[in-house]
Amino acid sequence: MATIVVNSGAFFNRLREGKTFSVGNLEKFAAWFRVPANWPDRTIPQDAAAALISIGRPPLPASTMPHPYRTSDALVDCNRAAVFQSKAAR
């Protein structure tokens, strides 16, 4: 998940080692966790919902599926297959 959200597979290992993280990364994780489609059974657990509310980022309604994560090669939309762009089209 860390690779998807902050492009760093070592993110959680770094936290275990006592490293810090930026507010920007916190915002990225909050945005990802707010989308029901990112959870098993497309349902946000009550504890996770309470944590999101506590930081001022309440869960989004289930009808809000497309999320804003973009890479240079793909736009991720929870209801569609990824759409890849050729490098020549950019």
N, C-alpha and C. Protein backbone atom coordinates (compact mmCIF):
# COMPACT_ATOMS: atom_id res chain seq x y z
N MET A 1 0.82 -1.18 0.00
CA MET A 1 0.00 0.00 0.00
C MET A 1 0.87 1.25 0.00
N ALA A 2 1.96 1.24 0.73
CA ALA A 2 2.83 2.42 0.77
C ALA A 2 3.39 2.75 -0.62
N THR A 3 3.64 1.73 -1.41
CA THR A 3 4.14 1.96 -2.76
C THR A 3 3.07 2.67 -3.59
N ILE A 4 1.83 2.30 -3.43
CA ILE A 4 0.74 2.93 -4.17
C ILE A 4 0.53 4.38 -3.70
N VAL A 5 0.52 4.59 -2.40
CA VAL A 5 0.14 5.89 -1.85
C VAL A 5 1.27 6.91 -1.89
N VAL A 6 2.46 6.53 -1.45
CA VAL A 6 3.57 7.49 -1.38
C VAL A 6 4.79 7.07 -2.18
N ASN A 7 4.62 6.05 -3.03
CA ASN A 7 5.69 5.60 -3.91
C ASN A 7 6.95 5.20 -3.14
N SER A 8 6.74 4.54 -1.98
CA SER A 8 7.87 4.10 -1.17
C SER A 8 7.50 2.81 -0.45
N GLY A 9 7.96 1.69 -0.97
CA GLY A 9 7.70 0.41 -0.32
C GLY A 9 8.35 0.29 1.04
N ALA A 10 9.33 1.13 1.32
CA ALA A 10 10.04 1.09 2.60
C ALA A 10 9.43 2.03 3.64
N PHE A 11 8.33 2.68 3.31
CA PHE A 11 7.75 3.69 4.19
C PHE A 11 7.50 3.17 5.61
N PHE A 12 6.81 2.04 5.75
CA PHE A 12 6.48 1.53 7.07
C PHE A 12 7.72 1.01 7.80
N ASN A 13 8.69 0.46 7.08
CA ASN A 13 9.94 0.05 7.72
C ASN A 13 10.66 1.26 8.30
N ARG A 14 10.64 2.35 7.56
CA ARG A 14 11.27 3.59 8.05
C ARG A 14 10.59 4.08 9.33
N LEU A 15 9.26 3.99 9.38
CA LEU A 15 8.55 4.39 10.60
C LEU A 15 8.94 3.50 11.78
N ARG A 16 9.05 2.19 11.53
CA ARG A 16 9.46 1.26 12.60
C ARG A 16 10.85 1.60 13.13
N GLU A 17 11.68 2.16 12.26
CA GLU A 17 13.05 2.55 12.65
C GLU A 17 13.09 3.91 13.35
N GLY A 18 11.92 4.52 13.54
CA GLY A 18 11.88 5.80 14.24
C GLY A 18 11.96 7.02 13.35
N LYS A 19 11.93 6.82 12.04
CA LYS A 19 11.97 7.96 11.13
C LYS A 19 10.63 8.70 11.17
N THR A 20 10.62 9.92 10.67
CA THR A 20 9.40 10.72 10.65
C THR A 20 8.79 10.71 9.25
N PHE A 21 7.66 11.38 9.11
CA PHE A 21 7.02 11.50 7.80
C PHE A 21 6.46 12.90 7.68
N SER A 22 6.16 13.29 6.44
CA SER A 22 5.70 14.65 6.19
C SER A 22 4.18 14.75 6.31
N VAL A 23 3.70 15.96 6.49
CA VAL A 23 2.26 16.22 6.51
C VAL A 23 1.67 15.83 5.15
N GLY A 24 2.43 16.06 4.09
CA GLY A 24 1.97 15.68 2.76
C GLY A 24 1.69 14.19 2.66
N ASN A 25 2.56 13.36 3.25
CA ASN A 25 2.34 11.91 3.23
C ASN A 25 1.13 11.53 4.08
N LEU A 26 0.94 12.22 5.21
CA LEU A 26 -0.25 11.98 6.03
C LEU A 26 -1.51 12.27 5.21
N GLU A 27 -1.50 13.37 4.48
CA GLU A 27 -2.64 13.73 3.64
C GLU A 27 -2.90 12.67 2.57
N LYS A 28 -1.83 12.15 1.97
CA LYS A 28 -1.98 11.12 0.94
C LYS A 28 -2.60 9.86 1.52
N PHE A 29 -2.13 9.43 2.70
CA PHE A 29 -2.70 8.24 3.32
C PHE A 29 -4.14 8.48 3.73
N ALA A 30 -4.45 9.65 4.30
CA ALA A 30 -5.83 9.95 4.69
C ALA A 30 -6.74 9.92 3.46
N ALA A 31 -6.28 10.50 2.35
CA ALA A 31 -7.08 10.50 1.12
C ALA A 31 -7.33 9.07 0.64
N TRP A 32 -6.32 8.23 0.72
CA TRP A 32 -6.46 6.84 0.27
C TRP A 32 -7.40 6.06 1.17
N PHE A 33 -7.24 6.22 2.50
CA PHE A 33 -8.06 5.48 3.45
C PHE A 33 -9.52 5.94 3.44
N ARG A 34 -9.80 7.16 2.99
CA ARG A 34 -11.17 7.69 2.97
C ARG A 34 -12.05 7.04 1.91
N VAL A 35 -11.45 6.38 0.93
CA VAL A 35 -12.20 5.80 -0.19
C VAL A 35 -12.61 4.36 0.16
N PRO A 36 -13.91 4.10 0.26
CA PRO A 36 -14.35 2.74 0.62
C PRO A 36 -13.81 1.65 -0.29
N ALA A 37 -13.61 1.93 -1.56
CA ALA A 37 -13.12 0.91 -2.49
C ALA A 37 -11.71 0.43 -2.16
N ASN A 38 -10.99 1.16 -1.35
CA ASN A 38 -9.63 0.76 -0.98
C ASN A 38 -9.61 -0.21 0.20
N TRP A 39 -10.76 -0.57 0.72
CA TRP A 39 -10.87 -1.47 1.87
C TRP A 39 -11.49 -2.80 1.45
N PRO A 40 -11.16 -3.86 2.20
CA PRO A 40 -11.82 -5.16 1.92
C PRO A 40 -13.34 -4.98 2.00
N ASP A 41 -14.03 -5.62 1.14
CA ASP A 41 -15.50 -5.56 1.07
C ASP A 41 -16.01 -4.15 0.81
N ARG A 42 -15.10 -3.23 0.38
CA ARG A 42 -15.47 -1.85 0.06
C ARG A 42 -16.16 -1.16 1.24
N THR A 43 -15.75 -1.52 2.47
CA THR A 43 -16.33 -0.96 3.68
C THR A 43 -15.22 -0.50 4.61
N ILE A 44 -15.30 0.74 5.07
CA ILE A 44 -14.30 1.27 6.00
C ILE A 44 -14.66 0.82 7.41
N PRO A 45 -13.74 0.13 8.11
CA PRO A 45 -14.01 -0.31 9.48
C PRO A 45 -14.30 0.89 10.40
N GLN A 46 -15.13 0.66 11.41
CA GLN A 46 -15.54 1.73 12.31
C GLN A 46 -14.33 2.41 12.98
N ASP A 47 -13.34 1.63 13.41
CA ASP A 47 -12.15 2.23 14.06
C ASP A 47 -11.41 3.14 13.09
N ALA A 48 -11.30 2.71 11.83
CA ALA A 48 -10.62 3.53 10.83
C ALA A 48 -11.43 4.79 10.54
N ALA A 49 -12.75 4.65 10.46
CA ALA A 49 -13.60 5.82 10.23
C ALA A 49 -13.45 6.82 11.37
N ALA A 50 -13.41 6.34 12.60
CA ALA A 50 -13.24 7.22 13.76
C ALA A 50 -11.89 7.93 13.71
N ALA A 51 -10.84 7.21 13.29
CA ALA A 51 -9.51 7.83 13.18
C ALA A 51 -9.52 8.91 12.10
N LEU A 52 -10.15 8.64 10.97
CA LEU A 52 -10.23 9.64 9.90
C LEU A 52 -11.00 10.88 10.37
N ILE A 53 -12.09 10.67 11.05
CA ILE A 53 -12.88 11.79 11.57
C ILE A 53 -12.04 12.61 12.56
N SER A 54 -11.24 11.92 13.37
CA SER A 54 -10.44 12.62 14.39
C SER A 54 -9.38 13.54 13.79
N ILE A 55 -8.99 13.29 12.54
CA ILE A 55 -8.01 14.17 11.89
C ILE A 55 -8.68 15.09 10.86
N GLY A 56 -10.01 15.16 10.93
CA GLY A 56 -10.74 16.06 10.05
C GLY A 56 -10.89 15.59 8.63
N ARG A 57 -10.76 14.29 8.41
CA ARG A 57 -10.90 13.72 7.07
C ARG A 57 -11.91 12.59 7.11
N PRO A 58 -13.20 12.91 7.24
CA PRO A 58 -14.20 11.84 7.35
C PRO A 58 -14.25 10.97 6.11
N PRO A 59 -14.69 9.71 6.26
CA PRO A 59 -14.80 8.82 5.11
C PRO A 59 -15.71 9.41 4.03
N LEU A 60 -15.39 9.10 2.80
CA LEU A 60 -16.20 9.54 1.67
C LEU A 60 -17.35 8.56 1.48
N PRO A 61 -18.46 9.02 0.91
CA PRO A 61 -19.57 8.08 0.64
C PRO A 61 -19.14 7.02 -0.36
N ALA A 62 -19.77 5.88 -0.29
CA ALA A 62 -19.44 4.77 -1.19
C ALA A 62 -19.62 5.15 -2.65
N SER A 63 -20.46 6.13 -2.93
CA SER A 63 -20.68 6.54 -4.32
C SER A 63 -19.51 7.36 -4.87
N THR A 64 -18.57 7.75 -4.03
CA THR A 64 -17.41 8.54 -4.44
C THR A 64 -16.26 7.60 -4.72
N MET A 65 -16.28 6.92 -5.83
CA MET A 65 -15.26 5.92 -6.10
C MET A 65 -14.02 6.45 -6.79
N PRO A 66 -14.11 7.24 -7.86
CA PRO A 66 -12.85 7.65 -8.49
C PRO A 66 -12.03 8.49 -7.52
N HIS A 67 -10.77 8.15 -7.39
CA HIS A 67 -9.92 8.95 -6.52
C HIS A 67 -8.79 9.56 -7.33
N PRO A 68 -8.10 10.56 -6.76
CA PRO A 68 -7.19 11.38 -7.54
C PRO A 68 -5.78 10.86 -7.74
N TYR A 69 -5.51 9.58 -7.46
CA TYR A 69 -4.13 9.14 -7.60
C TYR A 69 -3.77 9.00 -9.06
N ARG A 70 -2.76 9.71 -9.46
CA ARG A 70 -2.31 9.68 -10.84
C ARG A 70 -0.81 9.40 -10.86
N THR A 71 -0.39 8.70 -11.87
CA THR A 71 1.04 8.56 -12.13
C THR A 71 1.24 9.08 -13.54
N SER A 72 2.46 9.15 -13.99
CA SER A 72 2.69 9.61 -15.35
C SER A 72 2.16 8.61 -16.38
N ASP A 73 1.96 7.36 -15.98
CA ASP A 73 1.53 6.34 -16.93
C ASP A 73 0.07 5.93 -16.79
N ALA A 74 -0.57 6.18 -15.65
CA ALA A 74 -1.93 5.67 -15.48
C ALA A 74 -2.74 6.57 -14.56
N LEU A 75 -4.02 6.58 -14.81
CA LEU A 75 -4.99 7.20 -13.93
C LEU A 75 -5.73 6.05 -13.27
N VAL A 76 -5.76 6.02 -11.95
CA VAL A 76 -6.42 4.93 -11.25
C VAL A 76 -7.84 5.36 -10.90
N ASP A 77 -8.81 4.60 -11.35
CA ASP A 77 -10.21 4.85 -11.06
C ASP A 77 -10.77 3.54 -10.53
N CYS A 78 -11.38 3.57 -9.39
CA CYS A 78 -11.83 2.35 -8.72
C CYS A 78 -12.88 1.57 -9.50
N ASN A 79 -13.56 2.21 -10.44
CA ASN A 79 -14.61 1.53 -11.16
C ASN A 79 -14.24 1.15 -12.59
N ARG A 80 -13.05 1.49 -13.02
CA ARG A 80 -12.62 1.19 -14.39
C ARG A 80 -11.23 0.58 -14.37
N ALA A 81 -10.90 -0.05 -15.46
CA ALA A 81 -9.52 -0.54 -15.61
C ALA A 81 -8.60 0.67 -15.79
N ALA A 82 -7.34 0.52 -15.43
CA ALA A 82 -6.38 1.61 -15.60
C ALA A 82 -6.26 1.97 -17.07
N VAL A 83 -6.12 3.26 -17.34
CA VAL A 83 -5.96 3.75 -18.70
C VAL A 83 -4.52 4.18 -18.86
N PHE A 84 -3.78 3.51 -19.74
CA PHE A 84 -2.37 3.82 -19.93
C PHE A 84 -2.19 4.74 -21.11
N GLN A 85 -1.27 5.68 -20.95
CA GLN A 85 -0.95 6.62 -22.02
C GLN A 85 0.38 6.22 -22.62
N SER A 86 0.51 6.37 -23.91
CA SER A 86 1.82 6.12 -24.50
C SER A 86 2.70 7.30 -24.19
N LYS A 87 3.99 7.07 -24.09
CA LYS A 87 4.92 8.15 -23.80
C LYS A 87 4.93 9.20 -24.91
N ALA A 88 4.65 8.78 -26.13
CA ALA A 88 4.62 9.71 -27.25
C ALA A 88 3.44 10.67 -27.16
N ALA A 89 2.35 10.25 -26.49
CA ALA A 89 1.14 11.08 -26.40
C ALA A 89 1.28 12.19 -25.36
N ARG A 90 2.26 12.12 -24.51
CA ARG A 90 2.40 13.10 -23.43
C ARG A 90 2.94 14.35 -23.93
